[in-house]
C-alpha atoms as a PDB file:
ATOM      1  CA  MET A   1      -9.898 -28.807  -2.912  1.00  0.00           C
ATOM      2  CA  THR A   2      -8.486 -26.820  -5.800  1.00  0.00           C
ATOM      3  CA  THR A   3      -5.181 -25.080  -5.082  1.00  0.00           C
ATOM      4  CA  THR A   4      -5.688 -22.161  -7.445  1.00  0.00           C
ATOM      5  CA  PRO A   5      -8.305 -19.401  -7.453  1.00  0.00           C
ATOM      6  CA  THR A   6     -11.026 -19.427 -10.066  1.00  0.00           C
ATOM      7  CA  THR A   7     -12.460 -15.945  -9.466  1.00  0.00           C
ATOM      8  CA  ASP A   8     -11.071 -13.200 -11.679  1.00  0.00           C
ATOM      9  CA  GLY A   9     -11.175  -9.550 -10.649  1.00  0.00           C
ATOM     10  CA  VAL A  10     -10.869 -10.080  -6.889  1.00  0.00           C
ATOM     11  CA  LEU A  11      -8.319 -11.307  -4.372  1.00  0.00           C
ATOM     12  CA  VAL A  12     -10.173 -14.124  -2.685  1.00  0.00           C
ATOM     13  CA  ASP A  13      -8.738 -16.869  -0.483  1.00  0.00           C
ATOM     14  CA  ARG A  14      -9.964 -20.409   0.062  1.00  0.00           C
ATOM     15  CA  TYR A  15     -11.912 -19.269   3.146  1.00  0.00           C
ATOM     16  CA  GLY A  16     -13.936 -16.753   1.175  1.00  0.00           C
ATOM     17  CA  ARG A  17     -12.217 -13.618   2.451  1.00  0.00           C
ATOM     18  CA  VAL A  18     -11.758 -10.893  -0.161  1.00  0.00           C
ATOM     19  CA  ALA A  19      -8.738  -8.591   0.108  1.00  0.00           C
ATOM     20  CA  GLN A  20      -9.555  -4.996  -0.778  1.00  0.00           C
ATOM     21  CA  ASP A  21      -7.018  -3.206   1.448  1.00  0.00           C
ATOM     22  CA  LEU A  22      -3.434  -3.060   0.149  1.00  0.00           C
ATOM     23  CA  ARG A  23      -0.564  -2.152   2.475  1.00  0.00           C
ATOM     24  CA  VAL A  24       2.507  -0.989   0.521  1.00  0.00           C
ATOM     25  CA  SER A  25       5.857  -0.638   2.256  1.00  0.00           C
ATOM     26  CA  LEU A  26       8.016   1.990   0.557  1.00  0.00           C
ATOM     27  CA  THR A  27      11.214   1.471   2.555  1.00  0.00           C
ATOM     28  CA  ASP A  28      12.566  -0.669   5.377  1.00  0.00           C
ATOM     29  CA  LYS A  29      14.545   2.262   6.772  1.00  0.00           C
ATOM     30  CA  CYS A  30      13.415   4.409   9.685  1.00  0.00           C
ATOM     31  CA  ASN A  31      14.712   7.536  11.411  1.00  0.00           C
ATOM     32  CA  LEU A  32      13.725   6.230  14.863  1.00  0.00           C
ATOM     33  CA  ARG A  33      15.057   3.211  16.722  1.00  0.00           C
ATOM     34  CA  CYS A  34      12.071   2.140  18.819  1.00  0.00           C
ATOM     35  CA  THR A  35      13.140  -0.427  21.380  1.00  0.00           C
ATOM     36  CA  TYR A  36      10.277  -2.800  20.544  1.00  0.00           C
ATOM     37  CA  CYS A  37      11.069  -2.711  16.826  1.00  0.00           C
ATOM     38  CA  MET A  38      14.820  -2.717  16.198  1.00  0.00           C
ATOM     39  CA  PRO A  39      18.234  -2.489  17.880  1.00  0.00           C
ATOM     40  CA  ALA A  40      19.942   0.836  18.501  1.00  0.00           C
ATOM     41  CA  GLU A  41      22.349   0.329  15.605  1.00  0.00           C
ATOM     42  CA  GLY A  42      19.538  -0.289  13.129  1.00  0.00           C
ATOM     43  CA  LEU A  43      19.319  -3.221  10.734  1.00  0.00           C
ATOM     44  CA  PRO A  44      20.937  -4.364   7.476  1.00  0.00           C
ATOM     45  CA  TRP A  45      18.887  -2.218   5.096  1.00  0.00           C
ATOM     46  CA  LEU A  46      17.799  -3.322   1.655  1.00  0.00           C
ATOM     47  CA  ALA A  47      20.173  -2.256  -1.101  1.00  0.00           C
ATOM     48  CA  GLY A  48      18.884   0.263  -3.637  1.00  0.00           C
ATOM     49  CA  PRO A  49      18.497  -2.177  -6.565  1.00  0.00           C
ATOM     50  CA  GLN A  50      16.420  -4.482  -4.365  1.00  0.00           C
ATOM     51  CA  LEU A  51      13.804  -1.801  -3.788  1.00  0.00           C
ATOM     52  CA  LEU A  52      10.932  -1.310  -6.179  1.00  0.00           C
ATOM     53  CA  THR A  53      11.308   1.902  -8.155  1.00  0.00           C
ATOM     54  CA  ASP A  54       8.587   4.534  -7.952  1.00  0.00           C
ATOM     55  CA  GLU A  55       7.295   3.408 -11.337  1.00  0.00           C
ATOM     56  CA  GLU A  56       7.237  -0.242 -10.263  1.00  0.00           C
ATOM     57  CA  VAL A  57       5.321   0.607  -7.098  1.00  0.00           C
ATOM     58  CA  VAL A  58       2.716   2.514  -9.083  1.00  0.00           C
ATOM     59  CA  ARG A  59       2.384  -0.251 -11.660  1.00  0.00           C
ATOM     60  CA  LEU A  60       1.759  -2.921  -9.038  1.00  0.00           C
ATOM     61  CA  VAL A  61      -0.754  -0.730  -7.245  1.00  0.00           C
ATOM     62  CA  ARG A  62      -2.470  -0.132 -10.586  1.00  0.00           C
ATOM     63  CA  VAL A  63      -2.737  -3.890 -11.140  1.00  0.00           C
ATOM     64  CA  ALA A  64      -4.224  -4.287  -7.668  1.00  0.00           C
ATOM     65  CA  VAL A  65      -6.765  -1.508  -8.157  1.00  0.00           C
ATOM     66  CA  ARG A  66      -7.821  -2.082 -11.752  1.00  0.00           C
ATOM     67  CA  ARG A  67      -7.647  -5.868 -11.961  1.00  0.00           C
ATOM     68  CA  LEU A  68      -7.991  -7.169  -8.414  1.00  0.00           C
ATOM     69  CA  GLY A  69     -10.602  -5.005  -6.742  1.00  0.00           C
ATOM     70  CA  VAL A  70      -8.412  -3.164  -4.234  1.00  0.00           C
ATOM     71  CA  THR A  71     -10.201  -0.056  -2.952  1.00  0.00           C
ATOM     72  CA  GLU A  72      -7.845   1.137  -0.198  1.00  0.00           C
ATOM     73  CA  VAL A  73      -4.093   1.717  -0.382  1.00  0.00           C
ATOM     74  CA  ARG A  74      -2.018   2.393   2.727  1.00  0.00           C
ATOM     75  CA  PHE A  75       1.631   3.421   2.342  1.00  0.00           C
ATOM     76  CA  THR A  76       3.895   2.270   5.169  1.00  0.00           C
ATOM     77  CA  GLY A  77       7.524   1.573   6.002  1.00  0.00           C
ATOM     78  CA  GLY A  78       9.896   1.586   7.797  1.00  0.00           C
ATOM     79  CA  GLU A  79       9.199   5.282   7.616  1.00  0.00           C
ATOM     80  CA  PRO A  80       7.530   6.204   4.295  1.00  0.00           C
ATOM     81  CA  LEU A  81       8.166   9.946   4.664  1.00  0.00           C
ATOM     82  CA  ILE A  82      11.870   9.339   3.984  1.00  0.00           C
ATOM     83  CA  ARG A  83      11.070   7.963   0.515  1.00  0.00           C
ATOM     84  CA  PRO A  84      11.979  10.870  -1.827  1.00  0.00           C
ATOM     85  CA  GLY A  85       9.372   9.990  -4.440  1.00  0.00           C
ATOM     86  CA  LEU A  86       6.449   9.708  -2.023  1.00  0.00           C
ATOM     87  CA  PRO A  87       4.416  12.712  -3.292  1.00  0.00           C
ATOM     88  CA  GLY A  88       4.749  11.526  -6.875  1.00  0.00           C
ATOM     89  CA  ILE A  89       3.711   7.983  -5.962  1.00  0.00           C
ATOM     90  CA  VAL A  90       0.654   9.310  -4.124  1.00  0.00           C
ATOM     91  CA  ALA A  91      -0.280  11.538  -7.072  1.00  0.00           C
ATOM     92  CA  ALA A  92      -0.011   8.658  -9.546  1.00  0.00           C
ATOM     93  CA  VAL A  93      -2.168   6.383  -7.379  1.00  0.00           C
ATOM     94  CA  ALA A  94      -4.718   9.163  -6.820  1.00  0.00           C
ATOM     95  CA  ALA A  95      -5.040   9.473 -10.608  1.00  0.00           C
ATOM     96  CA  LEU A  96      -6.103   5.829 -11.020  1.00  0.00           C
ATOM     97  CA  GLU A  97      -9.623   4.956 -12.116  1.00  0.00           C
ATOM     98  CA  PRO A  98     -11.337   3.797 -10.015  1.00  0.00           C
ATOM     99  CA  ARG A  99      -9.608   5.973  -7.423  1.00  0.00           C
ATOM    100  CA  PRO A 100      -8.696   4.117  -4.227  1.00  0.00           C
ATOM    101  CA  ARG A 101      -8.747   5.718  -0.789  1.00  0.00           C
ATOM    102  CA  ILE A 102      -5.140   6.563   0.091  1.00  0.00           C
ATOM    103  CA  SER A 103      -3.639   6.741   3.564  1.00  0.00           C
ATOM    104  CA  LEU A 104      -0.216   6.754   5.196  1.00  0.00           C
ATOM    105  CA  THR A 105       1.209   5.279   8.395  1.00  0.00           C
ATOM    106  CA  THR A 106       4.114   7.357   9.714  1.00  0.00           C
ATOM    107  CA  ASN A 107       6.070   8.248  12.819  1.00  0.00           C
ATOM    108  CA  GLY A 108       5.239  11.884  12.054  1.00  0.00           C
ATOM    109  CA  ILE A 109       8.799  13.204  11.776  1.00  0.00           C
ATOM    110  CA  GLY A 110       8.792  15.563   8.799  1.00  0.00           C
ATOM    111  CA  LEU A 111       5.022  15.434   8.419  1.00  0.00           C
ATOM    112  CA  ALA A 112       4.560  19.089   9.351  1.00  0.00           C
ATOM    113  CA  ARG A 113       6.638  20.055   6.321  1.00  0.00           C
ATOM    114  CA  LEU A 114       5.300  17.443   3.883  1.00  0.00           C
ATOM    115  CA  ALA A 115       1.608  17.383   4.798  1.00  0.00           C
ATOM    116  CA  PRO A 116       0.507  20.173   2.398  1.00  0.00           C
ATOM    117  CA  ALA A 117       2.273  18.571  -0.580  1.00  0.00           C
ATOM    118  CA  LEU A 118       0.913  15.130   0.248  1.00  0.00           C
ATOM    119  CA  ARG A 119      -2.617  16.498   0.569  1.00  0.00           C
ATOM    120  CA  ALA A 120      -2.239  18.273  -2.771  1.00  0.00           C
ATOM    121  CA  ALA A 121      -0.995  15.020  -4.318  1.00  0.00           C
ATOM    122  CA  GLY A 122      -4.144  13.206  -3.208  1.00  0.00           C
ATOM    123  CA  LEU A 123      -3.397  11.667   0.183  1.00  0.00           C
ATOM    124  CA  ASP A 124      -6.634  11.323   2.143  1.00  0.00           C
ATOM    125  CA  ARG A 125      -5.484  10.785   5.729  1.00  0.00           C
ATOM    126  CA  VAL A 126      -2.688   9.643   8.048  1.00  0.00           C
ATOM    127  CA  ASN A 127      -2.013   7.336  10.992  1.00  0.00           C
ATOM    128  CA  VAL A 128       0.750   8.627  13.282  1.00  0.00           C
ATOM    129  CA  SER A 129       2.567   6.464  15.819  1.00  0.00           C
ATOM    130  CA  LEU A 130       2.866   8.031  19.279  1.00  0.00           C
ATOM    131  CA  ASP A 131       3.467   5.874  22.351  1.00  0.00           C
ATOM    132  CA  THR A 132       4.119   8.509  25.009  1.00  0.00           C
ATOM    133  CA  LEU A 133       3.606  12.195  25.737  1.00  0.00           C
ATOM    134  CA  ASP A 134       6.618  12.399  28.041  1.00  0.00           C
ATOM    135  CA  GLN A 135       9.721  13.791  26.337  1.00  0.00           C
ATOM    136  CA  ALA A 136      12.263  11.823  28.371  1.00  0.00           C
ATOM    137  CA  ARG A 137      10.285   8.622  27.967  1.00  0.00           C
ATOM    138  CA  PHE A 138       9.929   9.243  24.214  1.00  0.00           C
ATOM    139  CA  SER A 139      13.700   9.608  23.939  1.00  0.00           C
ATOM    140  CA  ARG A 140      14.266   6.348  25.785  1.00  0.00           C
ATOM    141  CA  LEU A 141      11.684   4.481  23.731  1.00  0.00           C
ATOM    142  CA  THR A 142      12.768   5.742  20.314  1.00  0.00           C
ATOM    143  CA  ARG A 143      16.433   6.537  21.092  1.00  0.00           C
ATOM    144  CA  ARG A 144      15.797   9.931  19.485  1.00  0.00           C
ATOM    145  CA  ASP A 145      14.702  13.270  20.997  1.00  0.00           C
ATOM    146  CA  ARG A 146      11.972  13.996  18.444  1.00  0.00           C
ATOM    147  CA  LEU A 147       8.698  14.220  20.376  1.00  0.00           C
ATOM    148  CA  ALA A 148       8.229  17.867  19.406  1.00  0.00           C
ATOM    149  CA  ASP A 149       8.540  16.938  15.719  1.00  0.00           C
ATOM    150  CA  VAL A 150       5.887  14.231  16.037  1.00  0.00           C
ATOM    151  CA  LEU A 151       3.468  16.598  17.771  1.00  0.00           C
ATOM    152  CA  ALA A 152       4.117  19.202  15.080  1.00  0.00           C
ATOM    153  CA  GLY A 153       3.457  16.559  12.438  1.00  0.00           C
ATOM    154  CA  LEU A 154       0.099  15.714  13.976  1.00  0.00           C
ATOM    155  CA  ALA A 155      -0.907  19.366  14.046  1.00  0.00           C
ATOM    156  CA  GLY A 156       0.334  19.873  10.491  1.00  0.00           C
ATOM    157  CA  ALA A 157      -1.688  16.917   9.225  1.00  0.00           C
ATOM    158  CA  THR A 158      -4.843  18.407  10.729  1.00  0.00           C
ATOM    159  CA  THR A 159      -4.147  21.826   9.228  1.00  0.00           C
ATOM    160  CA  ALA A 160      -3.543  20.259   5.815  1.00  0.00           C
ATOM    161  CA  GLY A 161      -6.848  18.397   5.961  1.00  0.00           C
ATOM    162  CA  LEU A 162      -5.458  14.859   6.255  1.00  0.00           C
ATOM    163  CA  THR A 163      -8.360  13.887   8.460  1.00  0.00           C
ATOM    164  CA  PRO A 164      -9.401  11.996  10.416  1.00  0.00           C
ATOM    165  CA  VAL A 165      -5.926  11.955  11.931  1.00  0.00           C
ATOM    166  CA  LYS A 166      -5.458   8.662  13.746  1.00  0.00           C
ATOM    167  CA  VAL A 167      -2.904   8.051  16.490  1.00  0.00           C
ATOM    168  CA  ASN A 168      -1.465   4.561  17.031  1.00  0.00           C
ATOM    169  CA  SER A 169      -0.100   3.755  20.504  1.00  0.00           C
ATOM    170  CA  VAL A 170       1.647   0.633  21.782  1.00  0.00           C
ATOM    171  CA  LEU A 171       1.731   0.189  25.555  1.00  0.00           C
ATOM    172  CA  MET A 172       4.574  -1.764  27.183  1.00  0.00           C
ATOM    173  CA  ARG A 173       4.551  -3.075  30.703  1.00  0.00           C
ATOM    174  CA  GLY A 174       6.751  -1.074  33.043  1.00  0.00           C
ATOM    175  CA  VAL A 175       7.539   1.416  30.280  1.00  0.00           C
ATOM    176  CA  ASN A 176       4.445   3.445  29.354  1.00  0.00           C
ATOM    177  CA  ASP A 177       1.518   1.318  30.516  1.00  0.00           C
ATOM    178  CA  ASP A 178       0.454   4.094  32.883  1.00  0.00           C
ATOM    179  CA  GLU A 179      -0.252   6.512  30.006  1.00  0.00           C
ATOM    180  CA  ALA A 180      -3.444   5.115  28.507  1.00  0.00           C
ATOM    181  CA  PRO A 181      -5.768   7.742  30.058  1.00  0.00           C
ATOM    182  CA  ALA A 182      -3.368  10.606  29.283  1.00  0.00           C
ATOM    183  CA  LEU A 183      -3.039   9.534  25.643  1.00  0.00           C
ATOM    184  CA  LEU A 184      -6.798   9.345  25.263  1.00  0.00           C
ATOM    185  CA  ARG A 185      -7.298  12.745  26.893  1.00  0.00           C
ATOM    186  CA  PHE A 186      -4.702  14.217  24.530  1.00  0.00           C
ATOM    187  CA  ALA A 187      -6.430  12.685  21.492  1.00  0.00           C
ATOM    188  CA  LEU A 188      -9.840  13.941  22.610  1.00  0.00           C
ATOM    189  CA  ASP A 189      -8.515  17.463  23.219  1.00  0.00           C
ATOM    190  CA  GLN A 190      -6.835  17.610  19.801  1.00  0.00           C
ATOM    191  CA  GLY A 191      -9.560  15.894  17.800  1.00  0.00           C
ATOM    192  CA  TYR A 192      -7.471  12.819  16.914  1.00  0.00           C
ATOM    193  CA  GLN A 193      -8.761   9.247  16.793  1.00  0.00           C
ATOM    194  CA  LEU A 194      -6.746   7.048  19.148  1.00  0.00           C
ATOM    195  CA  ARG A 195      -6.021   3.370  18.531  1.00  0.00           C
ATOM    196  CA  PHE A 196      -4.121   1.279  21.054  1.00  0.00           C
ATOM    197  CA  ILE A 197      -2.274  -1.672  19.510  1.00  0.00           C
ATOM    198  CA  GLU A 198      -1.258  -4.786  21.403  1.00  0.00           C
ATOM    199  CA  GLN A 199       2.468  -5.372  21.052  1.00  0.00           C
ATOM    200  CA  MET A 200       3.010  -8.104  18.464  1.00  0.00           C
ATOM    201  CA  PRO A 201       5.836 -10.610  17.859  1.00  0.00           C
ATOM    202  CA  LEU A 202       7.414  -8.633  15.030  1.00  0.00           C
ATOM    203  CA  ASP A 203      10.530  -7.162  16.664  1.00  0.00           C
ATOM    204  CA  ALA A 204      13.892  -7.667  15.009  1.00  0.00           C
ATOM    205  CA  GLN A 205      15.380  -8.929  18.276  1.00  0.00           C
ATOM    206  CA  HIS A 206      12.722 -11.667  18.675  1.00  0.00           C
ATOM    207  CA  GLY A 207      12.352 -10.631  22.291  1.00  0.00           C
ATOM    208  CA  TRP A 208       8.556 -10.446  22.376  1.00  0.00           C
ATOM    209  CA  ASP A 209       7.004 -12.168  25.380  1.00  0.00           C
ATOM    210  CA  ARG A 210       3.252 -12.579  25.655  1.00  0.00           C
ATOM    211  CA  ALA A 211       3.496 -12.657  29.443  1.00  0.00           C
ATOM    212  CA  THR A 212       4.753  -9.071  29.508  1.00  0.00           C
ATOM    213  CA  MET A 213       2.436  -7.736  26.800  1.00  0.00           C
ATOM    214  CA  VAL A 214      -0.222  -5.204  27.849  1.00  0.00           C
ATOM    215  CA  THR A 215      -3.506  -6.773  26.757  1.00  0.00           C
ATOM    216  CA  ALA A 216      -6.692  -5.213  25.417  1.00  0.00           C
ATOM    217  CA  ASP A 217      -8.487  -6.033  28.674  1.00  0.00           C
ATOM    218  CA  GLU A 218      -5.815  -4.202  30.670  1.00  0.00           C
ATOM    219  CA  ILE A 219      -5.958  -1.170  28.376  1.00  0.00           C
ATOM    220  CA  LEU A 220      -9.735  -0.956  28.648  1.00  0.00           C
ATOM    221  CA  ALA A 221      -9.606  -1.343  32.429  1.00  0.00           C
ATOM    222  CA  ALA A 222      -7.123   1.535  32.668  1.00  0.00           C
ATOM    223  CA  LEU A 223      -9.337   3.755  30.509  1.00  0.00           C
ATOM    224  CA  ALA A 224     -12.494   2.829  32.416  1.00  0.00           C
ATOM    225  CA  GLY A 225     -11.016   4.402  35.529  1.00  0.00           C
ATOM    226  CA  GLU A 226     -11.386   7.865  33.959  1.00  0.00           C
ATOM    227  CA  PHE A 227     -13.835   7.497  31.073  1.00  0.00           C
ATOM    228  CA  GLU A 228     -17.163   5.853  30.436  1.00  0.00           C
ATOM    229  CA  LEU A 229     -16.764   3.373  27.599  1.00  0.00           C
ATOM    230  CA  THR A 230     -19.696   1.817  25.765  1.00  0.00           C
ATOM    231  CA  ALA A 231     -19.607  -0.610  22.870  1.00  0.00           C
ATOM    232  CA  ASP A 232     -19.685   1.117  19.491  1.00  0.00           C
ATOM    233  CA  PRO A 233     -22.979   0.226  17.758  1.00  0.00           C
ATOM    234  CA  THR A 234     -21.411   0.833  14.345  1.00  0.00           C
ATOM    235  CA  GLU A 235     -20.734  -2.326  12.337  1.00  0.00           C
ATOM    236  CA  ARG A 236     -17.020  -3.128  12.608  1.00  0.00           C
ATOM    237  CA  GLY A 237     -16.703  -4.938   9.305  1.00  0.00           C
ATOM    238  CA  ALA A 238     -13.092  -5.735   8.410  1.00  0.00           C
ATOM    239  CA  ALA A 239     -11.635  -2.915  10.520  1.00  0.00           C
ATOM    240  CA  PRO A 240      -8.781  -4.156  12.726  1.00  0.00           C
ATOM    241  CA  ALA A 241      -9.804  -1.916  15.634  1.00  0.00           C
ATOM    242  CA  GLU A 242     -12.631  -2.746  17.995  1.00  0.00           C
ATOM    243  CA  THR A 243     -14.041   0.618  19.082  1.00  0.00           C
ATOM    244  CA  TRP A 244     -15.880   2.107  22.041  1.00  0.00           C
ATOM    245  CA  LEU A 245     -17.776   5.371  22.474  1.00  0.00           C
ATOM    246  CA  VAL A 246     -16.073   7.642  25.002  1.00  0.00           C
ATOM    247  CA  ASP A 247     -18.375   9.315  27.544  1.00  0.00           C
ATOM    248  CA  GLY A 248     -21.390   8.673  25.329  1.00  0.00           C
ATOM    249  CA  GLY A 249     -19.721   9.705  22.065  1.00  0.00           C
ATOM    250  CA  PRO A 250     -19.358  10.844  19.405  1.00  0.00           C
ATOM    251  CA  ALA A 251     -15.642  10.442  20.193  1.00  0.00           C
ATOM    252  CA  ARG A 252     -14.343   6.890  19.984  1.00  0.00           C
ATOM    253  CA  VAL A 253     -11.286   4.951  21.089  1.00  0.00           C
ATOM    254  CA  GLY A 254     -10.118   1.735  19.492  1.00  0.00           C
ATOM    255  CA  VAL A 255      -8.028  -1.264  20.438  1.00  0.00           C
ATOM    256  CA  ILE A 256      -6.307  -3.421  17.846  1.00  0.00           C
ATOM    257  CA  ALA A 257      -5.993  -6.676  19.781  1.00  0.00           C
ATOM    258  CA  SER A 258      -4.203  -8.829  17.220  1.00  0.00           C
ATOM    259  CA  VAL A 259      -2.955 -11.208  19.922  1.00  0.00           C
ATOM    260  CA  THR A 260      -5.756 -11.649  22.456  1.00  0.00           C
ATOM    261  CA  ARG A 261      -8.772 -10.909  20.222  1.00  0.00           C
ATOM    262  CA  PRO A 262      -7.644 -11.920  16.725  1.00  0.00           C
ATOM    263  CA  PHE A 263      -9.802 -10.787  13.821  1.00  0.00           C
ATOM    264  CA  CYS A 264      -8.316 -13.023  11.128  1.00  0.00           C
ATOM    265  CA  GLY A 265     -11.737 -14.254  10.018  1.00  0.00           C
ATOM    266  CA  ALA A 266     -12.612 -10.804   8.659  1.00  0.00           C
ATOM    267  CA  CYS A 267      -9.170  -9.846   7.352  1.00  0.00           C
ATOM    268  CA  ASP A 268      -9.292  -7.974   4.028  1.00  0.00           C
ATOM    269  CA  ARG A 269      -5.606  -7.068   3.684  1.00  0.00           C
ATOM    270  CA  THR A 270      -2.866  -7.931   1.229  1.00  0.00           C
ATOM    271  CA  ARG A 271       0.705  -6.663   1.603  1.00  0.00           C
ATOM    272  CA  LEU A 272       3.521  -5.621  -0.712  1.00  0.00           C
ATOM    273  CA  THR A 273       7.007  -5.162   0.720  1.00  0.00           C
ATOM    274  CA  ALA A 274       9.459  -2.500  -0.409  1.00  0.00           C
ATOM    275  CA  ASP A 275      11.388  -5.130  -2.374  1.00  0.00           C
ATOM    276  CA  GLY A 276       8.329  -6.381  -4.221  1.00  0.00           C
ATOM    277  CA  GLN A 277       7.344  -9.433  -2.208  1.00  0.00           C
ATOM    278  CA  LEU A 278       3.703 -10.330  -1.630  1.00  0.00           C
ATOM    279  CA  ARG A 279       2.585 -11.283   1.864  1.00  0.00           C
ATOM    280  CA  SER A 280      -0.888 -12.651   2.515  1.00  0.00           C
ATOM    281  CA  CYS A 281      -0.585 -12.008   6.267  1.00  0.00           C
ATOM    282  CA  LEU A 282       1.444  -9.801   8.583  1.00  0.00           C
ATOM    283  CA  PHE A 283       2.708 -12.988  10.265  1.00  0.00           C
ATOM    284  CA  ALA A 284       3.275 -15.026   7.101  1.00  0.00           C
ATOM    285  CA  THR A 285       6.491 -17.021   6.963  1.00  0.00           C
ATOM    286  CA  ASP A 286       6.514 -17.211   3.170  1.00  0.00           C
ATOM    287  CA  GLU A 287       6.348 -14.617   0.403  1.00  0.00           C
ATOM    288  CA  SER A 288       5.652 -14.513  -3.333  1.00  0.00           C
ATOM    289  CA  ASP A 289       8.024 -12.598  -5.591  1.00  0.00           C
ATOM    290  CA  LEU A 290       6.369 -10.005  -7.834  1.00  0.00           C
ATOM    291  CA  ARG A 291       9.511  -7.956  -8.394  1.00  0.00           C
ATOM    292  CA  GLY A 292      11.237 -10.798 -10.231  1.00  0.00           C
ATOM    293  CA  ALA A 293       8.256 -11.399 -12.494  1.00  0.00           C
ATOM    294  CA  LEU A 294       7.818  -7.692 -13.164  1.00  0.00           C
ATOM    295  CA  ARG A 295      11.474  -7.206 -14.091  1.00  0.00           C
ATOM    296  CA  ALA A 296      11.437 -10.345 -16.233  1.00  0.00           C
ATOM    297  CA  GLY A 297       8.761  -8.762 -18.416  1.00  0.00           C
ATOM    298  CA  ALA A 298       5.508 -10.159 -17.028  1.00  0.00           C
ATOM    299  CA  ASP A 299       2.436  -8.328 -18.295  1.00  0.00           C
ATOM    300  CA  ASP A 300      -0.327  -7.064 -16.015  1.00  0.00           C
ATOM    301  CA  ASP A 301      -2.427 -10.198 -16.556  1.00  0.00           C
ATOM    302  CA  GLU A 302       0.425 -12.383 -15.358  1.00  0.00           C
ATOM    303  CA  LEU A 303       1.119 -10.173 -12.349  1.00  0.00           C
ATOM    304  CA  ALA A 304      -2.568 -10.305 -11.404  1.00  0.00           C
ATOM    305  CA  ARG A 305      -2.615 -14.097 -11.793  1.00  0.00           C
ATOM    306  CA  ARG A 306       0.391 -14.462  -9.505  1.00  0.00           C
ATOM    307  CA  TRP A 307      -1.210 -12.147  -6.952  1.00  0.00           C
ATOM    308  CA  ARG A 308      -4.451 -14.144  -6.935  1.00  0.00           C
ATOM    309  CA  THR A 309      -2.556 -17.399  -6.541  1.00  0.00           C
ATOM    310  CA  ALA A 310      -0.560 -16.035  -3.617  1.00  0.00           C
ATOM    311  CA  MET A 311      -3.667 -14.826  -1.807  1.00  0.00           C
ATOM    312  CA  TRP A 312      -5.535 -18.085  -2.410  1.00  0.00           C
ATOM    313  CA  GLY A 313      -3.020 -19.798  -0.138  1.00  0.00           C
ATOM    314  CA  LYS A 314      -3.626 -17.458   2.811  1.00  0.00           C
ATOM    315  CA  ARG A 315      -3.903 -19.304   6.114  1.00  0.00           C
ATOM    316  CA  ALA A 316      -7.054 -19.208   8.234  1.00  0.00           C
ATOM    317  CA  GLY A 317      -5.287 -17.305  11.023  1.00  0.00           C
ATOM    318  CA  HIS A 318      -1.938 -16.058  12.251  1.00  0.00           C
ATOM    319  CA  GLY A 319      -1.560 -18.904  14.765  1.00  0.00           C
ATOM    320  CA  ILE A 320       0.124 -16.926  17.552  1.00  0.00           C
ATOM    321  CA  ASP A 321      -1.541 -19.220  20.099  1.00  0.00           C
ATOM    322  CA  ASP A 322      -0.307 -22.331  18.314  1.00  0.00           C
ATOM    323  CA  PRO A 323       2.720 -23.924  20.066  1.00  0.00           C
ATOM    324  CA  ALA A 324       4.241 -24.319  16.594  1.00  0.00           C
ATOM    325  CA  PHE A 325       3.979 -20.572  15.829  1.00  0.00           C
ATOM    326  CA  LEU A 326       7.114 -19.139  14.268  1.00  0.00           C
ATOM    327  CA  GLN A 327       7.783 -15.413  14.280  1.00  0.00           C
ATOM    328  CA  PRO A 328       8.382 -14.098  10.740  1.00  0.00           C
ATOM    329  CA  ALA A 329      12.035 -13.717   9.822  1.00  0.00           C
ATOM    330  CA  ARG A 330      11.402 -10.141   8.740  1.00  0.00           C
ATOM    331  CA  PRO A 331      10.676  -7.569  11.441  1.00  0.00           C
ATOM    332  CA  MET A 332       7.815  -5.072  11.212  1.00  0.00           C
ATOM    333  CA  SER A 333      10.090  -2.397   9.726  1.00  0.00           C
ATOM    334  CA  ALA A 334      10.780  -4.630   6.719  1.00  0.00           C
ATOM    335  CA  ILE A 335       7.212  -5.926   6.317  1.00  0.00           C
ATOM    336  CA  GLY A 336       5.217  -2.719   6.598  1.00  0.00           C
ATOM    337  CA  GLY A 337       2.458  -1.995   9.096  1.00  0.00           C
END
């Protein structure tokens, strides 16, 4: 089998999957210290010169959109709202032809203030992480007393028109696994779209244990005690969330079951880290350096060729169930969600 792609204009791998969704991490830093993500003292952050500049980010996104068929761009972190140039980056990407759909994954701190400017720049919608509605529990989980700021950010996103506003929740056994119904009721009352995410082996401490992970089946069982859930008849496509109608619809709830119900066969994502490394999978153990090529003077054709080659080598699946599975050296905060 050939080891290089032969199809120009798209990001295809050897299994026939086409990547159209680009996740771009803008920083590895975060203003929370979630226990399942990083230690209380934080991590060794990337030095400034290692990070892609705003102009470099926009150029690489432009290559992806114009030459490689990317139609969706999601900005992530760390926490992308702490990137000073975020509105300008969004505006530059929104000006591309063809224009991609642009979204943002955030912890919501500062979103109330920034939402109007981001909407004006061209941001289409947001995903906000929220694992608990209890203030004391939020403080223990994140090591910061900022629940009120996150709730304000959610409300501000709605007011600014960054809809649909999606809420991402991770349940942890013995920590917040009793909150599934309350989180769904909150989302329904506020008009948010809730997505539960199975905890994945991407913590900096490498302390993830499948035996203590709250599974999709457990989440659905907890919800079924208070809501009627029926399978969503809408075609799922490459969406990571499997969704159910709540009490007959139209409201829906989703579960992203990366561990127990992997969806690798339909994956359409490609990832760019804040320091310019390409990742073909969230759980990849290798990366391809675009920053070095870009700074060495590579033209857009060469950058696109390197991107296609990197994606051609994408594995069939993440292999979490394989006894030989190795957790990536980088934690989620450095990879981007």
